[in-house]
Amino acid sequence: MRVAIIGAGISGLACAYELERHGIYPDIFEERSRSGELFSHVAGLMQLMNRPVPDQLKWLKNEYNLDLKPLAKWYTTTMHSNQVTRVVKSKHFGYFFERGQGELSLETQLFNSIKSPINFNCRANYSELAQEYDYVVVANGSRDVAASLGIWKNIFTTMVRGAIVLGDFNPHELVMWVNTDYALGAYAYLAPFSKNQASLTVIHANASIEEMERHWITFLKRENLTYQVVENYLLSHISGTVYPHQVGNLLLVGIAGGFMESFLGFGSVSSLRSGILAGRALANNIPFSKLVKKLDLEMRHSVRLREILNTMDNQDYDHLVAGMTMPGLKQLIYNTNIPVFQNAGTFFELIRDKVDWSKWSILPPKK
């Protein structure tokens, strides 16, 4: 069987890894000079998003044969809204992983685990490859192929402005900010590489480049952040859904296939899983649609979560942060294995619209 993979990001490399486990060595085509994302940042693999899985690393090892090394375990989350700050501790929030070109990044780990040749600086044409190869896996991190096939539906567009910063950090803590003044429909977060280096990121819905720079400055001033910046990055991202995920001998994985969580990490886990499942489908002659059915449903839940976030204002966020840290509810959310976020959109709607905040002393009632 001859297989071509377009894209040497984590979904394409994961697909190649799975194919090699079955004795199939694909040809990989990457338009850039190196594999993976060109800027370094930290992704949070959040256990809350993958329940009832108790430990993501053991699960990825047992279910997908991926033996990945994180930067650190994640024990503490500090959440800031406009008027509320809460700190939550858990025995297992998840893990922090490096993304990009570093020696410990997911991309580098996967790159070092495969033997298949990668054709760098090569912009592959999927329609030409589809005639030459038995199967083509599209893993280029773009909607272009799905859009040209008429199977892509836009959900939302976001701008991502970030930097690598130096300072004094807890390597086991994620800090989040939710504030529509600079992160409309999204959030900002700081995730550590180490005790003295972290990635600081602001995400905003539908902002221009000029507007995004103003939001970044507003964020830094509003939150009184004076870290030393050693590297900046700016990119736009278009999220969407894809159906079906296979057209003829073309399989679409990762962001190209609509497999991207709408919360932290830029879709690391879903991208990995979709790549592995594509390789597994081809190696075992199983319909790809069958293998990704559950993952596709998870993505739809994630989109619903983002749709709710897009409608929230600063007072909603104040209520949300306060509500998620109330006694009893906090224990349910953070220290059990109940899959709360499978219906997170409904839960957030409840916090926003149904709770009578006049009965609580946490905040003034919503006007």
Protein backbone atom coordinates (compact mmCIF):
# COMPACT_ATOMS: atom_id res chain seq x y z
CA MET A 1 0.00 0.00 0.00
CA ARG A 2 1.32 3.43 -0.97
CA VAL A 3 0.32 6.28 1.32
CA ALA A 4 1.15 9.98 1.08
CA ILE A 5 0.79 12.38 4.00
CA ILE A 6 0.52 16.12 3.36
CA GLY A 7 1.90 17.93 6.40
CA ALA A 8 4.50 17.07 9.01
CA GLY A 9 2.70 18.50 12.03
CA ILE A 10 1.62 16.35 14.94
CA SER A 11 -1.40 14.80 13.19
CA GLY A 12 0.61 13.87 10.09
CA LEU A 13 3.53 12.53 12.13
CA ALA A 14 1.16 10.57 14.38
CA CYS A 15 -0.42 9.01 11.29
CA ALA A 16 3.02 8.05 9.96
CA TYR A 17 3.93 6.57 13.36
CA GLU A 18 0.83 4.36 13.37
CA LEU A 19 1.35 3.26 9.76
CA GLU A 20 4.95 2.29 10.52
CA ARG A 21 3.75 0.14 13.40
CA HIS A 22 1.92 -1.89 10.73
CA GLY A 23 4.86 -2.02 8.33
CA ILE A 24 3.69 0.80 6.05
CA TYR A 25 6.15 3.63 5.40
CA PRO A 26 4.40 6.66 3.90
CA ASP A 27 5.89 9.52 1.93
CA ILE A 28 5.46 12.78 3.84
CA PHE A 29 5.32 16.17 2.13
CA GLU A 30 5.91 19.36 4.14
CA GLU A 31 5.85 22.80 2.55
CA ARG A 32 8.07 24.35 5.22
CA SER A 33 11.70 23.61 5.99
CA ARG A 34 10.95 21.93 9.34
CA SER A 35 8.16 19.89 10.86
CA GLY A 36 5.58 21.36 13.21
CA GLU A 37 4.68 24.86 14.28
CA LEU A 38 7.32 27.52 13.75
CA PHE A 39 6.74 29.32 17.06
CA SER A 40 7.21 27.79 20.49
CA HIS A 41 4.44 27.75 23.07
CA VAL A 42 3.05 25.55 25.82
CA ALA A 43 -0.10 23.49 25.38
CA GLY A 44 -2.17 22.32 28.31
CA LEU A 45 -3.52 18.79 28.08
CA MET A 46 -6.47 19.14 30.42
CA GLN A 47 -7.80 15.97 32.05
CA LEU A 48 -11.17 17.68 32.51
CA MET A 49 -11.66 17.74 28.74
CA ASN A 50 -10.88 14.02 28.27
CA ARG A 51 -12.90 12.40 31.04
CA PRO A 52 -13.63 9.67 31.98
CA VAL A 53 -9.97 9.11 31.07
CA PRO A 54 -8.13 9.27 34.44
CA ASP A 55 -4.66 10.03 33.02
CA GLN A 56 -4.11 11.30 29.48
CA LEU A 57 -0.55 10.03 29.14
CA LYS A 58 -1.41 6.49 30.22
CA TRP A 59 -4.47 6.62 27.96
CA LEU A 60 -2.47 7.83 24.94
CA LYS A 61 0.05 5.06 25.64
CA ASN A 62 -2.50 2.28 26.12
CA GLU A 63 -5.01 3.26 23.43
CA TYR A 64 -2.79 4.92 20.82
CA ASN A 65 0.70 3.56 21.55
CA LEU A 66 2.05 7.09 22.00
CA ASP A 67 4.76 7.40 24.64
CA LEU A 68 5.03 11.16 25.13
CA LYS A 69 7.07 13.17 27.64
CA PRO A 70 5.51 16.32 29.14
CA LEU A 71 7.26 19.39 30.47
CA ALA A 72 5.53 19.03 33.84
CA LYS A 73 2.37 17.95 35.61
CA TRP A 74 -0.35 20.55 36.07
CA TYR A 75 -1.61 20.99 39.65
CA THR A 76 -2.83 24.59 40.01
CA THR A 77 -5.11 26.85 37.97
CA THR A 78 -5.51 30.55 38.74
CA MET A 79 -8.51 32.15 37.06
CA HIS A 80 -9.01 35.89 36.67
CA SER A 81 -12.17 37.57 35.41
CA ASN A 82 -12.95 41.28 35.51
CA GLN A 83 -13.80 41.32 39.23
CA VAL A 84 -13.04 37.81 40.48
CA THR A 85 -9.86 35.83 41.06
CA ARG A 86 -9.93 32.20 42.15
CA VAL A 87 -7.19 29.61 42.68
CA VAL A 88 -8.04 25.93 42.29
CA LYS A 89 -5.73 23.05 43.14
CA SER A 90 -6.11 19.48 41.97
CA LYS A 91 -4.07 16.31 42.18
CA HIS A 92 -4.31 16.05 38.41
CA PHE A 93 -5.41 18.87 36.13
CA GLY A 94 -3.31 17.38 33.37
CA TYR A 95 0.07 18.06 31.78
CA PHE A 96 2.00 20.83 30.07
CA PHE A 97 3.59 20.05 26.71
CA GLU A 98 5.91 22.10 24.57
CA ARG A 99 4.83 22.79 21.01
CA GLY A 100 7.07 24.04 18.21
CA GLN A 101 10.71 23.37 17.41
CA GLY A 102 12.24 22.69 20.84
CA GLU A 103 13.94 19.44 21.75
CA LEU A 104 11.07 18.51 24.10
CA SER A 105 8.22 19.58 21.81
CA LEU A 106 5.53 17.17 20.68
CA GLU A 107 6.62 17.75 17.11
CA THR A 108 10.23 16.80 17.86
CA GLN A 109 9.23 13.76 19.89
CA LEU A 110 7.08 12.44 17.04
CA PHE A 111 9.66 13.36 14.40
CA ASN A 112 12.27 11.32 16.26
CA SER A 113 9.92 8.34 16.51
CA ILE A 114 9.43 7.76 12.76
CA LYS A 115 11.64 6.53 9.93
CA SER A 116 9.54 7.58 6.94
CA PRO A 117 11.09 10.13 4.57
CA ILE A 118 9.91 13.74 4.81
CA ASN A 119 10.09 15.88 1.70
CA PHE A 120 10.61 19.39 3.09
CA ASN A 121 10.05 22.62 1.14
CA CYS A 122 7.53 20.75 -0.96
CA ARG A 123 4.03 22.11 -1.54
CA ALA A 124 2.09 19.00 -2.49
CA ASN A 125 -0.98 18.97 -4.72
CA TYR A 126 -3.54 16.68 -3.13
CA SER A 127 -5.37 15.89 -6.38
CA GLU A 128 -2.14 14.84 -8.11
CA LEU A 129 -1.07 12.71 -5.16
CA ALA A 130 -4.52 11.08 -5.06
CA GLN A 131 -3.87 9.72 -8.56
CA GLU A 132 -0.38 8.47 -7.71
CA TYR A 133 -0.96 6.95 -4.25
CA ASP A 134 -3.48 4.46 -2.90
CA TYR A 135 -4.37 6.91 -0.11
CA VAL A 136 -3.57 10.50 0.76
CA VAL A 137 -3.83 11.79 4.33
CA VAL A 138 -4.32 15.56 4.47
CA ALA A 139 -2.69 16.92 7.63
CA ASN A 140 -1.55 20.36 6.54
CA GLY A 141 -3.30 22.32 9.31
CA SER A 142 -5.42 24.25 6.83
CA ARG A 143 -9.02 24.27 5.65
CA ASP A 144 -7.98 24.64 1.98
CA VAL A 145 -8.46 21.02 0.86
CA ALA A 146 -11.72 20.51 2.75
CA ALA A 147 -13.04 23.83 1.41
CA SER A 148 -12.13 22.91 -2.17
CA LEU A 149 -13.95 19.59 -1.70
CA GLY A 150 -17.03 21.40 -0.40
CA ILE A 151 -17.00 19.64 2.98
CA TRP A 152 -15.82 22.51 5.23
CA LYS A 153 -18.11 24.75 7.29
CA ASN A 154 -16.65 27.82 9.03
CA ILE A 155 -17.43 28.13 12.74
CA PHE A 156 -15.38 31.13 13.87
CA THR A 157 -12.13 32.97 13.26
CA THR A 158 -9.71 33.94 16.01
CA MET A 159 -6.50 35.91 16.24
CA VAL A 160 -3.75 34.60 18.49
CA ARG A 161 -1.17 37.04 19.87
CA GLY A 162 1.51 35.67 22.13
CA ALA A 163 5.04 35.86 23.39
CA ILE A 164 7.68 33.85 25.18
CA VAL A 165 8.38 35.70 28.41
CA LEU A 166 10.90 35.52 31.23
CA GLY A 167 10.00 35.77 34.90
CA ASP A 168 9.40 33.75 38.04
CA PHE A 169 6.81 31.03 37.40
CA ASN A 170 5.33 28.00 39.06
CA PRO A 171 6.03 25.23 36.50
CA HIS A 172 2.87 23.40 37.63
CA GLU A 173 0.44 26.33 37.35
CA LEU A 174 -1.71 27.68 34.54
CA VAL A 175 -2.95 31.28 34.83
CA MET A 176 -6.07 32.26 32.87
CA TRP A 177 -7.82 35.56 32.20
CA VAL A 178 -11.32 36.00 30.77
CA ASN A 179 -12.20 39.56 29.88
CA THR A 180 -14.05 40.79 26.80
CA ASP A 181 -12.11 44.07 26.85
CA TYR A 182 -9.12 42.30 25.30
CA ALA A 183 -10.16 38.66 24.71
CA LEU A 184 -13.64 38.80 23.20
CA GLY A 185 -15.17 35.35 22.84
CA ALA A 186 -11.98 33.70 24.10
CA TYR A 187 -9.37 34.03 26.83
CA ALA A 188 -5.75 34.73 27.68
CA TYR A 189 -3.39 32.37 29.46
CA LEU A 190 0.12 31.91 30.77
CA ALA A 191 1.62 28.41 30.66
CA PRO A 192 5.17 27.66 31.87
CA PHE A 193 8.05 26.08 30.00
CA SER A 194 10.03 26.13 33.26
CA LYS A 195 10.52 28.15 36.45
CA ASN A 196 11.82 31.15 34.51
CA GLN A 197 10.20 30.93 31.06
CA ALA A 198 6.57 30.79 29.93
CA SER A 199 4.31 31.37 26.96
CA LEU A 200 1.80 34.20 27.32
CA THR A 201 -1.11 34.20 24.89
CA VAL A 202 -4.21 36.29 24.12
CA ILE A 203 -6.93 34.94 21.85
CA HIS A 204 -9.62 37.22 20.40
CA ALA A 205 -12.49 36.53 18.04
CA ASN A 206 -12.52 38.29 14.68
CA ALA A 207 -9.87 40.98 15.28
CA SER A 208 -7.64 42.52 12.64
CA ILE A 209 -3.85 42.56 13.04
CA GLU A 210 -3.92 46.20 14.16
CA GLU A 211 -6.78 45.58 16.59
CA MET A 212 -5.03 42.52 17.98
CA GLU A 213 -1.93 44.54 18.82
CA ARG A 214 -4.10 47.01 20.72
CA HIS A 215 -5.79 44.16 22.59
CA TRP A 216 -2.37 42.79 23.51
CA ILE A 217 -1.26 46.13 24.93
CA THR A 218 -4.56 46.52 26.80
CA PHE A 219 -4.12 43.04 28.27
CA LEU A 220 -0.60 43.72 29.52
CA LYS A 221 -1.58 47.08 31.05
CA ARG A 222 -4.88 45.91 32.54
CA GLU A 223 -3.32 42.89 34.22
CA ASN A 224 -0.11 44.76 35.13
CA LEU A 225 2.14 42.24 33.37
CA THR A 226 5.72 43.42 32.98
CA TYR A 227 7.51 40.24 31.93
CA GLN A 228 10.58 40.46 29.72
CA VAL A 229 9.57 39.41 26.20
CA VAL A 230 12.11 37.35 24.26
CA GLU A 231 9.97 36.31 21.27
CA ASN A 232 6.62 37.41 19.80
CA TYR A 233 4.14 35.64 17.55
CA LEU A 234 0.86 36.46 15.84
CA LEU A 235 -1.38 34.22 13.77
CA SER A 236 -4.98 33.81 12.72
CA HIS A 237 -6.94 30.61 12.99
CA ILE A 238 -10.15 29.54 11.29
CA SER A 239 -12.07 26.79 13.08
CA GLY A 240 -14.62 24.70 11.28
CA THR A 241 -16.34 21.37 10.94
CA VAL A 242 -15.68 18.79 8.22
CA TYR A 243 -18.06 16.13 6.96
CA PRO A 244 -17.36 13.56 5.75
CA HIS A 245 -13.76 13.08 6.90
CA GLN A 246 -12.93 10.87 3.94
CA VAL A 247 -13.64 11.56 0.28
CA GLY A 248 -12.53 8.77 -2.03
CA ASN A 249 -8.94 7.98 -1.13
CA LEU A 250 -8.45 11.28 0.75
CA LEU A 251 -8.53 11.29 4.57
CA LEU A 252 -8.51 14.59 6.47
CA VAL A 253 -7.00 14.77 9.96
CA GLY A 254 -5.99 17.37 12.54
CA ILE A 255 -7.12 20.93 11.93
CA ALA A 256 -7.58 20.09 8.22
CA GLY A 257 -10.26 17.62 9.30
CA GLY A 258 -11.90 19.90 11.84
CA PHE A 259 -10.35 18.04 14.77
CA MET A 260 -9.51 20.84 17.14
CA GLU A 261 -10.72 21.48 20.68
CA SER A 262 -11.92 24.99 21.30
CA PHE A 263 -10.15 25.27 24.64
CA LEU A 264 -6.41 25.39 25.42
CA GLY A 265 -3.68 23.49 23.62
CA PHE A 266 -4.68 24.28 20.03
CA GLY A 267 -6.18 20.81 19.60
CA SER A 268 -3.14 18.74 20.50
CA VAL A 269 -4.97 15.63 21.73
CA SER A 270 -7.61 15.58 18.99
CA SER A 271 -4.96 16.13 16.31
CA LEU A 272 -2.88 13.25 17.64
CA ARG A 273 -5.87 10.95 17.89
CA SER A 274 -7.19 11.73 14.42
CA GLY A 275 -3.77 11.03 12.89
CA ILE A 276 -3.42 7.72 14.71
CA LEU A 277 -6.96 6.68 13.77
CA ALA A 278 -6.34 7.48 10.09
CA GLY A 279 -3.25 5.27 10.12
CA ARG A 280 -5.17 2.56 11.95
CA ALA A 281 -8.05 2.75 9.46
CA LEU A 282 -5.73 2.34 6.48
CA ALA A 283 -3.60 -0.40 8.01
CA ASN A 284 -6.61 -2.47 9.07
CA ASN A 285 -8.97 -1.64 6.19
CA ILE A 286 -11.54 -0.09 8.54
CA PRO A 287 -13.71 2.88 7.46
CA PHE A 288 -12.14 6.05 8.82
CA SER A 289 -15.61 7.44 9.52
CA LYS A 290 -16.27 4.57 11.90
CA LEU A 291 -13.09 5.09 13.89
CA VAL A 292 -13.52 8.87 14.30
CA LYS A 293 -17.22 8.85 15.11
CA LYS A 294 -16.66 9.35 18.84
CA LEU A 295 -13.94 11.95 18.28
CA ASP A 296 -16.18 13.86 15.89
CA LEU A 297 -18.91 13.99 18.55
CA GLU A 298 -16.39 15.35 21.06
CA MET A 299 -15.47 18.10 18.61
CA ARG A 300 -19.12 19.09 18.28
CA HIS A 301 -19.38 19.39 22.06
CA SER A 302 -16.27 21.56 21.98
CA VAL A 303 -17.76 23.83 19.32
CA ARG A 304 -20.88 24.21 21.46
CA LEU A 305 -18.70 25.30 24.36
CA ARG A 306 -17.03 27.96 22.22
CA GLU A 307 -20.39 29.19 20.91
CA ILE A 308 -21.52 29.81 24.49
CA LEU A 309 -18.27 31.58 25.37
CA ASN A 310 -18.77 33.86 22.37
CA THR A 311 -22.02 35.18 23.89
CA MET A 312 -20.69 35.93 27.39
CA ASP A 313 -19.91 39.37 28.78
CA ASN A 314 -17.64 40.33 31.68
CA GLN A 315 -20.33 39.89 34.31
CA ASP A 316 -21.10 36.44 32.89
CA TYR A 317 -17.42 35.59 33.28
CA ASP A 318 -17.41 36.88 36.85
CA HIS A 319 -20.34 34.58 37.63
CA LEU A 320 -18.73 31.69 35.79
CA VAL A 321 -15.41 31.90 37.62
CA ALA A 322 -17.15 32.33 40.96
CA GLY A 323 -19.66 29.57 40.23
CA MET A 324 -17.05 27.04 39.13
CA THR A 325 -15.24 27.46 42.44
CA MET A 326 -18.19 27.24 44.81
CA PRO A 327 -17.88 24.55 47.54
CA GLY A 328 -19.30 21.24 46.36
CA LEU A 329 -19.40 22.26 42.71
CA LYS A 330 -15.64 22.81 42.75
CA GLN A 331 -15.13 19.29 44.09
CA LEU A 332 -17.39 17.86 41.39
CA ILE A 333 -15.64 19.67 38.56
CA TYR A 334 -11.99 19.36 39.53
CA ASN A 335 -11.56 16.38 41.83
CA THR A 336 -13.75 13.67 40.35
CA ASN A 337 -13.64 11.72 37.10
CA ILE A 338 -17.17 12.70 36.03
CA PRO A 339 -17.23 13.87 32.37
CA VAL A 340 -18.58 17.33 33.20
CA PHE A 341 -17.39 18.99 30.01
CA GLN A 342 -19.16 16.59 27.68
CA ASN A 343 -22.10 18.93 28.27
CA ALA A 344 -20.10 22.01 29.17
CA GLY A 345 -22.14 24.26 26.89
CA THR A 346 -25.30 23.43 28.82
CA PHE A 347 -23.46 23.90 32.12
CA PHE A 348 -22.15 27.32 31.08
CA GLU A 349 -25.62 28.36 29.95
CA LEU A 350 -26.92 27.37 33.37
CA ILE A 351 -24.27 29.48 35.10
CA ARG A 352 -25.01 32.40 32.81
CA ASP A 353 -28.80 32.38 32.60
CA LYS A 354 -30.47 30.12 35.15
CA VAL A 355 -28.68 30.69 38.46
CA ASP A 356 -30.35 33.33 40.64
CA TRP A 357 -27.24 35.22 41.71
CA SER A 358 -29.25 37.39 44.11
CA LYS A 359 -29.24 34.40 46.48
CA TRP A 360 -25.46 34.28 46.55
CA SER A 361 -23.05 36.68 48.20
CA ILE A 362 -20.30 35.98 45.69
CA LEU A 363 -21.25 38.83 43.34
CA PRO A 364 -24.00 41.37 42.81
CA PRO A 365 -26.97 40.00 40.83
CA LYS A 366 -26.75 40.24 37.08
CA LYS A 367 -28.59 43.30 35.76
